[in-house]
Amino acid sequence: GYAVTAGHFSQPTTTDIVGGAPQDGGIGKVYIFRTDRRSGSLIKIFQA
């Protein structure tokens, strides 16, 4: 959550969330999440 942004990653009509974790594993990671209305959760769909 050090950095966050949002965009249309899974499809043009939905908004997905990106979170940066610059200390993860010492090398840093980035995750993209979609929102799941039924569970109220953020579901990971990509990481780098």
All heavy atoms as atom14 arrays in JSON, in Angstrom:
{
  "sequence": "GYAVTAGHFSQPTTTDIVGGAPQDGGIGKVYIFRTDRRSGSLIKIFQA",
  "atom14_mask": [
    [1, 1, 1, 1, 0, 0, 0, 0, 0, 0, 0, 0, 0, 0],
    [1, 1, 1, 1, 1, 1, 1, 1, 1, 1, 1, 1, 0, 0],
    [1, 1, 1, 1, 1, 0, 0, 0, 0, 0, 0, 0, 0, 0],
    [1, 1, 1, 1, 1, 1, 1, 0, 0, 0, 0, 0, 0, 0],
    [1, 1, 1, 1, 1, 1, 1, 0, 0, 0, 0, 0, 0, 0],
    [1, 1, 1, 1, 1, 0, 0, 0, 0, 0, 0, 0, 0, 0],
    [1, 1, 1, 1, 0, 0, 0, 0, 0, 0, 0, 0, 0, 0],
    [1, 1, 1, 1, 1, 1, 1, 1, 1, 1, 0, 0, 0, 0],
    [1, 1, 1, 1, 1, 1, 1, 1, 1, 1, 1, 0, 0, 0],
    [1, 1, 1, 1, 1, 1, 0, 0, 0, 0, 0, 0, 0, 0],
    [1, 1, 1, 1, 1, 1, 1, 1, 1, 0, 0, 0, 0, 0],
    [1, 1, 1, 1, 1, 1, 1, 0, 0, 0, 0, 0, 0, 0],
    [1, 1, 1, 1, 1, 1, 1, 0, 0, 0, 0, 0, 0, 0],
    [1, 1, 1, 1, 1, 1, 1, 0, 0, 0, 0, 0, 0, 0],
    [1, 1, 1, 1, 1, 1, 1, 0, 0, 0, 0, 0, 0, 0],
    [1, 1, 1, 1, 1, 1, 1, 1, 0, 0, 0, 0, 0, 0],
    [1, 1, 1, 1, 1, 1, 1, 1, 0, 0, 0, 0, 0, 0],
    [1, 1, 1, 1, 1, 1, 1, 0, 0, 0, 0, 0, 0, 0],
    [1, 1, 1, 1, 0, 0, 0, 0, 0, 0, 0, 0, 0, 0],
    [1, 1, 1, 1, 0, 0, 0, 0, 0, 0, 0, 0, 0, 0],
    [1, 1, 1, 1, 1, 0, 0, 0, 0, 0, 0, 0, 0, 0],
    [1, 1, 1, 1, 1, 1, 1, 0, 0, 0, 0, 0, 0, 0],
    [1, 1, 1, 1, 1, 1, 1, 1, 1, 0, 0, 0, 0, 0],
    [1, 1, 1, 1, 1, 1, 1, 1, 0, 0, 0, 0, 0, 0],
    [1, 1, 1, 1, 0, 0, 0, 0, 0, 0, 0, 0, 0, 0],
    [1, 1, 1, 1, 0, 0, 0, 0, 0, 0, 0, 0, 0, 0],
    [1, 1, 1, 1, 1, 1, 1, 1, 0, 0, 0, 0, 0, 0],
    [1, 1, 1, 1, 0, 0, 0, 0, 0, 0, 0, 0, 0, 0],
    [1, 1, 1, 1, 1, 1, 1, 1, 1, 0, 0, 0, 0, 0],
    [1, 1, 1, 1, 1, 1, 1, 0, 0, 0, 0, 0, 0, 0],
    [1, 1, 1, 1, 1, 1, 1, 1, 1, 1, 1, 1, 0, 0],
    [1, 1, 1, 1, 1, 1, 1, 1, 0, 0, 0, 0, 0, 0],
    [1, 1, 1, 1, 1, 1, 1, 1, 1, 1, 1, 0, 0, 0],
    [1, 1, 1, 1, 1, 1, 1, 1, 1, 1, 1, 0, 0, 0],
    [1, 1, 1, 1, 1, 1, 1, 0, 0, 0, 0, 0, 0, 0],
    [1, 1, 1, 1, 1, 1, 1, 1, 0, 0, 0, 0, 0, 0],
    [1, 1, 1, 1, 1, 1, 1, 1, 1, 1, 1, 0, 0, 0],
    [1, 1, 1, 1, 1, 1, 1, 1, 1, 1, 1, 0, 0, 0],
    [1, 1, 1, 1, 1, 1, 0, 0, 0, 0, 0, 0, 0, 0],
    [1, 1, 1, 1, 0, 0, 0, 0, 0, 0, 0, 0, 0, 0],
    [1, 1, 1, 1, 1, 1, 0, 0, 0, 0, 0, 0, 0, 0],
    [1, 1, 1, 1, 1, 1, 1, 1, 0, 0, 0, 0, 0, 0],
    [1, 1, 1, 1, 1, 1, 1, 1, 0, 0, 0, 0, 0, 0],
    [1, 1, 1, 1, 1, 1, 1, 1, 1, 0, 0, 0, 0, 0],
    [1, 1, 1, 1, 1, 1, 1, 1, 0, 0, 0, 0, 0, 0],
    [1, 1, 1, 1, 1, 1, 1, 1, 1, 1, 1, 0, 0, 0],
    [1, 1, 1, 1, 1, 1, 1, 1, 1, 0, 0, 0, 0, 0],
    [1, 1, 1, 1, 1, 0, 0, 0, 0, 0, 0, 0, 0, 0]
  ],
  "atom14_positions": [
    [[0.8, -1.22, 0.0], [0.0, 0.0, 0.0], [0.83, 1.26, 0.0], [0.29, 2.36, 0.03], [0.0, 0.0, 0.0], [0.0, 0.0, 0.0], [0.0, 0.0, 0.0], [0.0, 0.0, 0.0], [0.0, 0.0, 0.0], [0.0, 0.0, 0.0], [0.0, 0.0, 0.0], [0.0, 0.0, 0.0], [0.0, 0.0, 0.0], [0.0, 0.0, 0.0]],
    [[2.16, 1.12, -0.06], [3.05, 2.29, -0.14], [2.67, 3.15, -1.35], [2.74, 4.37, -1.31], [4.49, 1.8, -0.24], [5.54, 2.86, -0.1], [6.17, 3.09, 1.12], [5.96, 3.61, -1.2], [7.16, 4.05, 1.25], [6.95, 4.57, -1.08], [7.54, 4.78, 0.15], [8.52, 5.74, 0.26], [0.0, 0.0, 0.0], [0.0, 0.0, 0.0]],
    [[2.29, 2.48, -2.42], [1.75, 3.16, -3.6], [0.51, 2.4, -4.06], [0.46, 1.17, -3.96], [2.78, 3.2, -4.73], [0.0, 0.0, 0.0], [0.0, 0.0, 0.0], [0.0, 0.0, 0.0], [0.0, 0.0, 0.0], [0.0, 0.0, 0.0], [0.0, 0.0, 0.0], [0.0, 0.0, 0.0], [0.0, 0.0, 0.0], [0.0, 0.0, 0.0]],
    [[-0.49, 3.12, -4.52], [-1.7, 2.5, -5.05], [-2.15, 3.24, -6.31], [-1.89, 4.43, -6.47], [-2.88, 2.49, -4.03], [-2.58, 1.58, -2.85], [-3.18, 3.9, -3.54], [0.0, 0.0, 0.0], [0.0, 0.0, 0.0], [0.0, 0.0, 0.0], [0.0, 0.0, 0.0], [0.0, 0.0, 0.0], [0.0, 0.0, 0.0], [0.0, 0.0, 0.0]],
    [[-2.8, 2.52, -7.19], [-3.44, 3.13, -8.34], [-4.57, 2.21, -8.78], [-4.78, 1.14, -8.18], [-2.43, 3.38, -9.49], [-3.05, 4.19, -10.49], [-1.96, 2.07, -10.12], [0.0, 0.0, 0.0], [0.0, 0.0, 0.0], [0.0, 0.0, 0.0], [0.0, 0.0, 0.0], [0.0, 0.0, 0.0], [0.0, 0.0, 0.0], [0.0, 0.0, 0.0]],
    [[-5.29, 2.59, -9.79], [-6.42, 1.78, -10.29], [-6.48, 1.89, -11.81], [-6.05, 2.89, -12.39], [-7.73, 2.26, -9.67], [0.0, 0.0, 0.0], [0.0, 0.0, 0.0], [0.0, 0.0, 0.0], [0.0, 0.0, 0.0], [0.0, 0.0, 0.0], [0.0, 0.0, 0.0], [0.0, 0.0, 0.0], [0.0, 0.0, 0.0], [0.0, 0.0, 0.0]],
    [[-7.02, 0.85, -12.44], [-7.14, 0.86, -13.89], [-8.0, -0.29, -14.38], [-8.54, -1.07, -13.59], [0.0, 0.0, 0.0], [0.0, 0.0, 0.0], [0.0, 0.0, 0.0], [0.0, 0.0, 0.0], [0.0, 0.0, 0.0], [0.0, 0.0, 0.0], [0.0, 0.0, 0.0], [0.0, 0.0, 0.0], [0.0, 0.0, 0.0], [0.0, 0.0, 0.0]],
    [[-8.11, -0.38, -15.69], [-8.93, -1.42, -16.33], [-8.0, -2.56, -16.76], [-7.57, -2.62, -17.92], [-9.68, -0.84, -17.53], [-10.5, 0.37, -17.19], [-11.56, 0.33, -16.32], [-10.37, 1.67, -17.58], [-12.08, 1.54, -16.2], [-11.38, 2.37, -16.95], [0.0, 0.0, 0.0], [0.0, 0.0, 0.0], [0.0, 0.0, 0.0], [0.0, 0.0, 0.0]],
    [[-7.7, -3.46, -15.85], [-6.73, -4.51, -16.12], [-7.37, -5.81, -16.58], [-6.84, -6.48, -17.46], [-5.85, -4.75, -14.89], [-4.97, -3.59, -14.56], [-5.32, -2.68, -13.58], [-3.79, -3.39, -15.26], [-4.51, -1.59, -13.29], [-2.98, -2.3, -14.98], [-3.34, -1.4, -13.99], [0.0, 0.0, 0.0], [0.0, 0.0, 0.0], [0.0, 0.0, 0.0]],
    [[-8.48, -6.2, -15.99], [-9.11, -7.46, -16.37], [-10.02, -7.3, -17.59], [-10.07, -8.19, -18.44], [-9.89, -8.05, -15.19], [-10.8, -7.11, -14.65], [0.0, 0.0, 0.0], [0.0, 0.0, 0.0], [0.0, 0.0, 0.0], [0.0, 0.0, 0.0], [0.0, 0.0, 0.0], [0.0, 0.0, 0.0], [0.0, 0.0, 0.0], [0.0, 0.0, 0.0]],
    [[-10.71, -6.18, -17.68], [-11.53, -5.86, -18.85], [-11.82, -4.36, -18.86], [-11.72, -3.7, -17.82], [-12.83, -6.68, -18.85], [-13.63, -6.62, -17.58], [-14.82, -7.57, -17.63], [-15.42, -7.78, -18.67], [-15.15, -8.16, -16.49], [0.0, 0.0, 0.0], [0.0, 0.0, 0.0], [0.0, 0.0, 0.0], [0.0, 0.0, 0.0], [0.0, 0.0, 0.0]],
    [[-12.19, -3.81, -20.02], [-12.34, -2.35, -20.12], [-13.46, -1.77, -19.26], [-13.44, -0.57, -18.97], [-12.65, -2.14, -21.62], [-12.09, -3.33, -22.3], [-12.27, -4.47, -21.33], [0.0, 0.0, 0.0], [0.0, 0.0, 0.0], [0.0, 0.0, 0.0], [0.0, 0.0, 0.0], [0.0, 0.0, 0.0], [0.0, 0.0, 0.0], [0.0, 0.0, 0.0]],
    [[-14.4, -2.59, -18.84], [-15.57, -2.08, -18.1], [-15.45, -2.21, -16.59], [-16.36, -1.81, -15.87], [-16.84, -2.78, -18.57], [-16.69, -4.2, -18.41], [-17.12, -2.48, -20.04], [0.0, 0.0, 0.0], [0.0, 0.0, 0.0], [0.0, 0.0, 0.0], [0.0, 0.0, 0.0], [0.0, 0.0, 0.0], [0.0, 0.0, 0.0], [0.0, 0.0, 0.0]],
    [[-14.37, -2.79, -16.09], [-14.2, -2.94, -14.64], [-12.96, -2.2, -14.17], [-12.0, -2.03, -14.93], [-14.07, -4.42, -14.23], [-12.92, -4.98, -14.86], [-15.31, -5.21, -14.65], [0.0, 0.0, 0.0], [0.0, 0.0, 0.0], [0.0, 0.0, 0.0], [0.0, 0.0, 0.0], [0.0, 0.0, 0.0], [0.0, 0.0, 0.0], [0.0, 0.0, 0.0]],
    [[-12.99, -1.78, -12.93], [-11.84, -1.09, -12.35], [-11.16, -2.0, -11.33], [-11.81, -2.5, -10.41], [-12.29, 0.22, -11.65], [-12.91, 1.07, -12.61], [-11.09, 0.94, -11.04], [0.0, 0.0, 0.0], [0.0, 0.0, 0.0], [0.0, 0.0, 0.0], [0.0, 0.0, 0.0], [0.0, 0.0, 0.0], [0.0, 0.0, 0.0], [0.0, 0.0, 0.0]],
    [[-9.88, -2.22, -11.53], [-9.09, -3.07, -10.65], [-8.07, -2.21, -9.9], [-7.75, -1.1, -10.31], [-8.38, -4.16, -11.47], [-9.35, -4.96, -12.32], [-10.26, -5.58, -11.73], [-9.22, -4.95, -13.55], [0.0, 0.0, 0.0], [0.0, 0.0, 0.0], [0.0, 0.0, 0.0], [0.0, 0.0, 0.0], [0.0, 0.0, 0.0], [0.0, 0.0, 0.0]],
    [[-7.56, -2.75, -8.81], [-6.73, -2.0, -7.88], [-5.31, -2.54, -7.91], [-5.09, -3.75, -7.94], [-7.29, -2.12, -6.45], [-8.81, -1.88, -6.42], [-6.56, -1.17, -5.5], [-9.25, -0.55, -6.98], [0.0, 0.0, 0.0], [0.0, 0.0, 0.0], [0.0, 0.0, 0.0], [0.0, 0.0, 0.0], [0.0, 0.0, 0.0], [0.0, 0.0, 0.0]],
    [[-4.32, -1.64, -7.87], [-2.91, -2.02, -7.84], [-2.3, -1.54, -6.53], [-2.51, -0.4, -6.12], [-2.13, -1.41, -9.01], [-0.73, -2.02, -9.09], [-2.88, -1.59, -10.32], [0.0, 0.0, 0.0], [0.0, 0.0, 0.0], [0.0, 0.0, 0.0], [0.0, 0.0, 0.0], [0.0, 0.0, 0.0], [0.0, 0.0, 0.0], [0.0, 0.0, 0.0]],
    [[-1.53, -2.4, -5.89], [-0.82, -2.03, -4.67], [0.64, -2.42, -4.76], [0.98, -3.53, -5.15], [0.0, 0.0, 0.0], [0.0, 0.0, 0.0], [0.0, 0.0, 0.0], [0.0, 0.0, 0.0], [0.0, 0.0, 0.0], [0.0, 0.0, 0.0], [0.0, 0.0, 0.0], [0.0, 0.0, 0.0], [0.0, 0.0, 0.0], [0.0, 0.0, 0.0]],
    [[1.51, -1.48, -4.39], [2.94, -1.75, -4.36], [3.39, -2.11, -2.96], [2.91, -1.55, -1.98], [0.0, 0.0, 0.0], [0.0, 0.0, 0.0], [0.0, 0.0, 0.0], [0.0, 0.0, 0.0], [0.0, 0.0, 0.0], [0.0, 0.0, 0.0], [0.0, 0.0, 0.0], [0.0, 0.0, 0.0], [0.0, 0.0, 0.0], [0.0, 0.0, 0.0]],
    [[4.31, -3.06, -2.87], [4.89, -3.49, -1.59], [6.41, -3.47, -1.75], [7.04, -4.49, -1.97], [4.4, -4.89, -1.23], [0.0, 0.0, 0.0], [0.0, 0.0, 0.0], [0.0, 0.0, 0.0], [0.0, 0.0, 0.0], [0.0, 0.0, 0.0], [0.0, 0.0, 0.0], [0.0, 0.0, 0.0], [0.0, 0.0, 0.0], [0.0, 0.0, 0.0]],
    [[7.04, -2.29, -1.62], [8.43, -2.13, -2.02], [9.46, -2.84, -1.15], [10.62, -2.95, -1.53], [8.64, -0.62, -1.98], [7.6, -0.12, -1.03], [6.42, -1.01, -1.23], [0.0, 0.0, 0.0], [0.0, 0.0, 0.0], [0.0, 0.0, 0.0], [0.0, 0.0, 0.0], [0.0, 0.0, 0.0], [0.0, 0.0, 0.0], [0.0, 0.0, 0.0]],
    [[9.03, -3.35, 0.02], [9.96, -4.08, 0.88], [9.7, -5.59, 0.87], [10.39, -6.33, 1.58], [9.83, -3.56, 2.32], [10.33, -2.15, 2.53], [11.84, -2.11, 2.73], [12.6, -2.69, 1.95], [12.28, -1.44, 3.76], [0.0, 0.0, 0.0], [0.0, 0.0, 0.0], [0.0, 0.0, 0.0], [0.0, 0.0, 0.0], [0.0, 0.0, 0.0]],
    [[8.73, -6.05, 0.1], [8.36, -7.46, 0.09], [9.53, -8.32, -0.4], [9.98, -8.18, -1.54], [7.13, -7.67, -0.8], [6.44, -9.01, -0.54], [7.12, -9.95, -0.11], [5.22, -9.08, -0.75], [0.0, 0.0, 0.0], [0.0, 0.0, 0.0], [0.0, 0.0, 0.0], [0.0, 0.0, 0.0], [0.0, 0.0, 0.0], [0.0, 0.0, 0.0]],
    [[10.03, -9.19, 0.46], [11.14, -10.06, 0.1], [12.45, -9.33, -0.12], [13.4, -9.92, -0.63], [0.0, 0.0, 0.0], [0.0, 0.0, 0.0], [0.0, 0.0, 0.0], [0.0, 0.0, 0.0], [0.0, 0.0, 0.0], [0.0, 0.0, 0.0], [0.0, 0.0, 0.0], [0.0, 0.0, 0.0], [0.0, 0.0, 0.0], [0.0, 0.0, 0.0]],
    [[12.48, -8.04, 0.23], [13.67, -7.24, 0.02], [13.79, -6.68, -1.38], [14.47, -5.68, -1.61], [0.0, 0.0, 0.0], [0.0, 0.0, 0.0], [0.0, 0.0, 0.0], [0.0, 0.0, 0.0], [0.0, 0.0, 0.0], [0.0, 0.0, 0.0], [0.0, 0.0, 0.0], [0.0, 0.0, 0.0], [0.0, 0.0, 0.0], [0.0, 0.0, 0.0]],
    [[13.1, -7.32, -2.37], [13.19, -6.88, -3.76], [11.97, -6.08, -4.2], [12.01, -5.39, -5.22], [13.38, -8.08, -4.7], [12.23, -9.09, -4.53], [14.71, -8.75, -4.49], [12.27, -10.24, -5.51], [0.0, 0.0, 0.0], [0.0, 0.0, 0.0], [0.0, 0.0, 0.0], [0.0, 0.0, 0.0], [0.0, 0.0, 0.0], [0.0, 0.0, 0.0]],
    [[10.86, -6.17, -3.43], [9.64, -5.45, -3.78], [8.72, -6.25, -4.68], [9.19, -7.05, -5.51], [0.0, 0.0, 0.0], [0.0, 0.0, 0.0], [0.0, 0.0, 0.0], [0.0, 0.0, 0.0], [0.0, 0.0, 0.0], [0.0, 0.0, 0.0], [0.0, 0.0, 0.0], [0.0, 0.0, 0.0], [0.0, 0.0, 0.0], [0.0, 0.0, 0.0]],
    [[7.43, -6.05, -4.49], [6.43, -6.7, -5.34], [5.28, -5.74, -5.63], [5.08, -4.76, -4.92], [5.87, -7.96, -4.66], [6.87, -9.1, -4.56], [6.24, -10.35, -3.97], [7.27, -11.47, -3.88], [6.71, -12.69, -3.27], [0.0, 0.0, 0.0], [0.0, 0.0, 0.0], [0.0, 0.0, 0.0], [0.0, 0.0, 0.0], [0.0, 0.0, 0.0]],
    [[4.55, -6.07, -6.68], [3.34, -5.33, -7.06], [2.23, -6.33, -7.28], [2.44, -7.4, -7.87], [3.58, -4.5, -8.34], [2.26, -3.99, -8.91], [4.5, -3.34, -8.06], [0.0, 0.0, 0.0], [0.0, 0.0, 0.0], [0.0, 0.0, 0.0], [0.0, 0.0, 0.0], [0.0, 0.0, 0.0], [0.0, 0.0, 0.0], [0.0, 0.0, 0.0]],
    [[1.03, -6.0, -6.78], [-0.13, -6.86, -6.9], [-1.28, -6.1, -7.58], [-1.47, -4.91, -7.32], [-0.62, -7.32, -5.53], [0.39, -8.11, -4.73], [1.22, -7.47, -3.81], [0.52, -9.49, -4.88], [2.15, -8.18, -3.06], [1.45, -10.21, -4.13], [2.25, -9.55, -3.23], [3.17, -10.25, -2.49], [0.0, 0.0, 0.0], [0.0, 0.0, 0.0]],
    [[-2.03, -6.81, -8.41], [-3.29, -6.28, -8.95], [-4.43, -7.1, -8.38], [-4.37, -8.34, -8.36], [-3.32, -6.31, -10.49], [-2.16, -5.48, -11.06], [-4.66, -5.78, -11.01], [-2.09, -5.49, -12.58], [0.0, 0.0, 0.0], [0.0, 0.0, 0.0], [0.0, 0.0, 0.0], [0.0, 0.0, 0.0], [0.0, 0.0, 0.0], [0.0, 0.0, 0.0]],
    [[-5.46, -6.41, -7.91], [-6.62, -7.06, -7.29], [-7.89, -6.65, -8.01], [-8.04, -5.5, -8.43], [-6.76, -6.64, -5.82], [-5.53, -6.82, -4.98], [-4.7, -5.74, -4.71], [-5.2, -8.06, -4.46], [-3.56, -5.89, -3.93], [-4.06, -8.22, -3.68], [-3.24, -7.13, -3.42], [0.0, 0.0, 0.0], [0.0, 0.0, 0.0], [0.0, 0.0, 0.0]],
    [[-8.82, -7.59, -8.12], [-10.17, -7.25, -8.54], [-11.07, -7.23, -7.3], [-10.77, -7.87, -6.29], [-10.71, -8.24, -9.57], [-10.92, -9.65, -9.05], [-11.59, -10.54, -10.09], [-11.7, -11.92, -9.66], [-12.67, -12.39, -8.87], [-13.65, -11.58, -8.45], [-12.69, -13.66, -8.51], [0.0, 0.0, 0.0], [0.0, 0.0, 0.0], [0.0, 0.0, 0.0]],
    [[-12.16, -6.49, -7.38], [-13.1, -6.44, -6.26], [-14.16, -7.51, -6.43], [-14.69, -7.72, -7.53], [-13.78, -5.07, -6.18], [-14.4, -4.76, -7.44], [-12.76, -3.97, -5.87], [0.0, 0.0, 0.0], [0.0, 0.0, 0.0], [0.0, 0.0, 0.0], [0.0, 0.0, 0.0], [0.0, 0.0, 0.0], [0.0, 0.0, 0.0], [0.0, 0.0, 0.0]],
    [[-14.45, -8.24, -5.36], [-15.49, -9.26, -5.37], [-16.65, -8.77, -4.5], [-16.54, -8.73, -3.27], [-14.95, -10.58, -4.82], [-15.97, -11.7, -4.9], [-16.15, -12.25, -6.0], [-16.57, -12.0, -3.86], [0.0, 0.0, 0.0], [0.0, 0.0, 0.0], [0.0, 0.0, 0.0], [0.0, 0.0, 0.0], [0.0, 0.0, 0.0], [0.0, 0.0, 0.0]],
    [[-17.72, -8.35, -5.14], [-18.84, -7.75, -4.42], [-19.47, -8.72, -3.43], [-19.9, -8.34, -2.34], [-19.89, -7.25, -5.42], [-21.14, -6.65, -4.77], [-22.1, -6.15, -5.81], [-21.6, -4.94, -6.45], [-21.83, -3.72, -5.98], [-22.51, -3.56, -4.86], [-21.37, -2.67, -6.62], [0.0, 0.0, 0.0], [0.0, 0.0, 0.0], [0.0, 0.0, 0.0]],
    [[-19.53, -10.0, -3.8], [-20.22, -10.97, -2.94], [-19.51, -11.11, -1.6], [-20.15, -11.15, -0.55], [-20.29, -12.32, -3.65], [-21.02, -13.39, -2.87], [-21.21, -14.65, -3.69], [-22.0, -14.39, -4.89], [-22.28, -15.31, -5.81], [-21.81, -16.54, -5.68], [-23.01, -14.99, -6.86], [0.0, 0.0, 0.0], [0.0, 0.0, 0.0], [0.0, 0.0, 0.0]],
    [[-18.19, -11.19, -1.61], [-17.45, -11.41, -0.37], [-16.91, -10.12, 0.24], [-16.45, -10.12, 1.39], [-16.28, -12.37, -0.63], [-15.33, -11.78, -1.49], [0.0, 0.0, 0.0], [0.0, 0.0, 0.0], [0.0, 0.0, 0.0], [0.0, 0.0, 0.0], [0.0, 0.0, 0.0], [0.0, 0.0, 0.0], [0.0, 0.0, 0.0], [0.0, 0.0, 0.0]],
    [[-16.95, -9.04, -0.52], [-16.36, -7.79, -0.03], [-14.85, -7.85, 0.05], [-14.23, -7.11, 0.82], [0.0, 0.0, 0.0], [0.0, 0.0, 0.0], [0.0, 0.0, 0.0], [0.0, 0.0, 0.0], [0.0, 0.0, 0.0], [0.0, 0.0, 0.0], [0.0, 0.0, 0.0], [0.0, 0.0, 0.0], [0.0, 0.0, 0.0], [0.0, 0.0, 0.0]],
    [[-14.24, -8.72, -0.77], [-12.8, -8.93, -0.7], [-12.11, -8.43, -1.96], [-12.72, -8.28, -3.03], [-12.48, -10.42, -0.53], [-12.99, -10.92, 0.68], [0.0, 0.0, 0.0], [0.0, 0.0, 0.0], [0.0, 0.0, 0.0], [0.0, 0.0, 0.0], [0.0, 0.0, 0.0], [0.0, 0.0, 0.0], [0.0, 0.0, 0.0], [0.0, 0.0, 0.0]],
    [[-10.8, -8.21, -1.83], [-9.94, -7.95, -2.96], [-9.25, -9.25, -3.34], [-8.61, -9.89, -2.5], [-8.9, -6.89, -2.61], [-9.44, -5.51, -2.25], [-8.32, -4.6, -1.77], [-10.16, -4.89, -3.45], [0.0, 0.0, 0.0], [0.0, 0.0, 0.0], [0.0, 0.0, 0.0], [0.0, 0.0, 0.0], [0.0, 0.0, 0.0], [0.0, 0.0, 0.0]],
    [[-9.39, -9.66, -4.59], [-8.87, -10.95, -5.07], [-7.67, -10.69, -5.98], [-7.77, -9.96, -6.97], [-9.96, -11.72, -5.85], [-11.25, -11.81, -5.04], [-9.43, -13.09, -6.25], [-11.13, -12.53, -3.74], [0.0, 0.0, 0.0], [0.0, 0.0, 0.0], [0.0, 0.0, 0.0], [0.0, 0.0, 0.0], [0.0, 0.0, 0.0], [0.0, 0.0, 0.0]],
    [[-6.54, -11.3, -5.67], [-5.33, -11.11, -6.47], [-5.48, -11.75, -7.85], [-5.86, -12.9, -7.97], [-4.13, -11.72, -5.75], [-2.8, -11.52, -6.48], [-1.64, -12.17, -5.73], [-1.7, -13.68, -5.83], [-0.51, -14.34, -5.26], [0.0, 0.0, 0.0], [0.0, 0.0, 0.0], [0.0, 0.0, 0.0], [0.0, 0.0, 0.0], [0.0, 0.0, 0.0]],
    [[-5.16, -10.98, -8.9], [-5.2, -11.52, -10.26], [-3.84, -11.44, -10.95], [-3.66, -12.01, -12.02], [-6.26, -10.8, -11.12], [-5.96, -9.29, -11.22], [-7.66, -11.04, -10.57], [-6.87, -8.56, -12.2], [0.0, 0.0, 0.0], [0.0, 0.0, 0.0], [0.0, 0.0, 0.0], [0.0, 0.0, 0.0], [0.0, 0.0, 0.0], [0.0, 0.0, 0.0]],
    [[-2.88, -10.73, -10.35], [-1.56, -10.59, -10.96], [-0.56, -10.15, -9.91], [-0.91, -9.42, -8.97], [-1.61, -9.54, -12.08], [-0.25, -9.22, -12.68], [0.31, -10.03, -13.66], [0.45, -8.11, -12.25], [1.55, -9.74, -14.21], [1.71, -7.81, -12.8], [2.25, -8.63, -13.77], [0.0, 0.0, 0.0], [0.0, 0.0, 0.0], [0.0, 0.0, 0.0]],
    [[0.68, -10.62, -10.06], [1.76, -10.09, -9.23], [3.06, -10.09, -10.01], [3.25, -10.88, -10.94], [1.92, -10.88, -7.93], [2.62, -12.21, -8.05], [2.85, -12.87, -6.7], [1.9, -13.04, -5.92], [4.08, -13.23, -6.41], [0.0, 0.0, 0.0], [0.0, 0.0, 0.0], [0.0, 0.0, 0.0], [0.0, 0.0, 0.0], [0.0, 0.0, 0.0]],
    [[3.93, -9.16, -9.67], [5.25, -9.08, -10.29], [6.26, -8.72, -9.21], [5.92, -8.06, -8.22], [5.26, -8.04, -11.41], [0.0, 0.0, 0.0], [0.0, 0.0, 0.0], [0.0, 0.0, 0.0], [0.0, 0.0, 0.0], [0.0, 0.0, 0.0], [0.0, 0.0, 0.0], [0.0, 0.0, 0.0], [0.0, 0.0, 0.0], [0.0, 0.0, 0.0]]
  ]
}
